[in-house]
Amino acid sequence: STIMPSQPVQMFDGEEGQGA
């Protein structure tokens, strides 16, 4: 999963904690 520090980022393969 691509980590983009925007919100409480978690390493999920689905980008559930990001706004991306």
PDB file of N, CA and C in Angstrom:
ATOM      1  N   SER A   1       0.853  -1.192   0.000  1.00  0.00           N
ATOM      2  CA  SER A   1       0.000   0.000   0.000  1.00  0.00           C
ATOM      3  C   SER A   1       0.888   1.241   0.000  1.00  0.00           C
ATOM      4  N   THR A   2       0.485   2.233  -0.717  1.00  0.00           N
ATOM      5  CA  THR A   2       1.291   3.458  -0.797  1.00  0.00           C
ATOM      6  C   THR A   2       0.943   4.373   0.368  1.00  0.00           C
ATOM      7  N   ILE A   3       1.928   4.673   1.182  1.00  0.00           N
ATOM      8  CA  ILE A   3       1.704   5.482   2.375  1.00  0.00           C
ATOM      9  C   ILE A   3       1.828   6.962   2.021  1.00  0.00           C
ATOM     10  N   MET A   4       0.744   7.716   2.262  1.00  0.00           N
ATOM     11  CA  MET A   4       0.742   9.156   2.041  1.00  0.00           C
ATOM     12  C   MET A   4       0.291   9.850   3.319  1.00  0.00           C
ATOM     13  N   PRO A   5       1.219  10.409   4.096  1.00  0.00           N
ATOM     14  CA  PRO A   5       0.877  11.032   5.367  1.00  0.00           C
ATOM     15  C   PRO A   5      -0.078  12.214   5.180  1.00  0.00           C
ATOM     16  N   SER A   6      -1.338  11.981   5.464  1.00  0.00           N
ATOM     17  CA  SER A   6      -2.372  12.987   5.326  1.00  0.00           C
ATOM     18  C   SER A   6      -3.280  12.900   6.548  1.00  0.00           C
ATOM     19  N   GLN A   7      -3.639  11.659   6.871  1.00  0.00           N
ATOM     20  CA  GLN A   7      -4.546  11.349   7.974  1.00  0.00           C
ATOM     21  C   GLN A   7      -3.915  10.201   8.761  1.00  0.00           C
ATOM     22  N   PRO A   8      -4.577   9.731   9.820  1.00  0.00           N
ATOM     23  CA  PRO A   8      -4.040   8.575  10.544  1.00  0.00           C
ATOM     24  C   PRO A   8      -3.754   7.416   9.590  1.00  0.00           C
ATOM     25  N   VAL A   9      -2.551   7.376   9.094  1.00  0.00           N
ATOM     26  CA  VAL A   9      -2.161   6.420   8.065  1.00  0.00           C
ATOM     27  C   VAL A   9      -1.901   5.058   8.681  1.00  0.00           C
ATOM     28  N   GLN A  10      -2.508   4.050   8.076  1.00  0.00           N
ATOM     29  CA  GLN A  10      -2.285   2.675   8.516  1.00  0.00           C
ATOM     30  C   GLN A  10      -1.881   1.833   7.310  1.00  0.00           C
ATOM     31  N   MET A  11      -1.069   0.836   7.557  1.00  0.00           N
ATOM     32  CA  MET A  11      -0.583  -0.002   6.459  1.00  0.00           C
ATOM     33  C   MET A  11      -1.636  -1.029   6.051  1.00  0.00           C
ATOM     34  N   PHE A  12      -2.593  -0.547   5.281  1.00  0.00           N
ATOM     35  CA  PHE A  12      -3.642  -1.426   4.772  1.00  0.00           C
ATOM     36  C   PHE A  12      -3.497  -1.474   3.256  1.00  0.00           C
ATOM     37  N   ASP A  13      -3.659  -2.619   2.679  1.00  0.00           N
ATOM     38  CA  ASP A  13      -3.604  -2.731   1.230  1.00  0.00           C
ATOM     39  C   ASP A  13      -4.983  -2.373   0.656  1.00  0.00           C
ATOM     40  N   GLY A  14      -5.308  -1.106   0.782  1.00  0.00           N
ATOM     41  CA  GLY A  14      -6.609  -0.667   0.302  1.00  0.00           C
ATOM     42  C   GLY A  14      -6.754   0.838   0.551  1.00  0.00           C
ATOM     43  N   GLU A  15      -5.779   1.414   1.231  1.00  0.00           N
ATOM     44  CA  GLU A  15      -5.744   2.847   1.531  1.00  0.00           C
ATOM     45  C   GLU A  15      -7.029   3.294   2.224  1.00  0.00           C
ATOM     46  N   GLU A  16      -7.223   2.830   3.431  1.00  0.00           N
ATOM     47  CA  GLU A  16      -8.440   3.159   4.160  1.00  0.00           C
ATOM     48  C   GLU A  16      -8.229   4.319   5.133  1.00  0.00           C
ATOM     49  N   GLY A  17      -6.979   4.626   5.439  1.00  0.00           N
ATOM     50  CA  GLY A  17      -6.712   5.677   6.399  1.00  0.00           C
ATOM     51  C   GLY A  17      -6.263   6.966   5.726  1.00  0.00           C
ATOM     52  N   GLN A  18      -6.257   6.974   4.379  1.00  0.00           N
ATOM     53  CA  GLN A  18      -5.746   8.130   3.652  1.00  0.00           C
ATOM     54  C   GLN A  18      -6.841   8.774   2.809  1.00  0.00           C
ATOM     55  N   GLY A  19      -6.548   9.956   2.316  1.00  0.00           N
ATOM     56  CA  GLY A  19      -7.483  10.613   1.421  1.00  0.00           C
ATOM     57  C   GLY A  19      -7.070  10.421  -0.024  1.00  0.00           C
ATOM     58  N   ALA A  20      -6.222   9.434  -0.272  1.00  0.00           N
ATOM     59  CA  ALA A  20      -5.745   9.169  -1.627  1.00  0.00           C
ATOM     60  C   ALA A  20      -6.401   7.882  -2.135  1.00  0.00           C
TER      61      ALA A  20
END
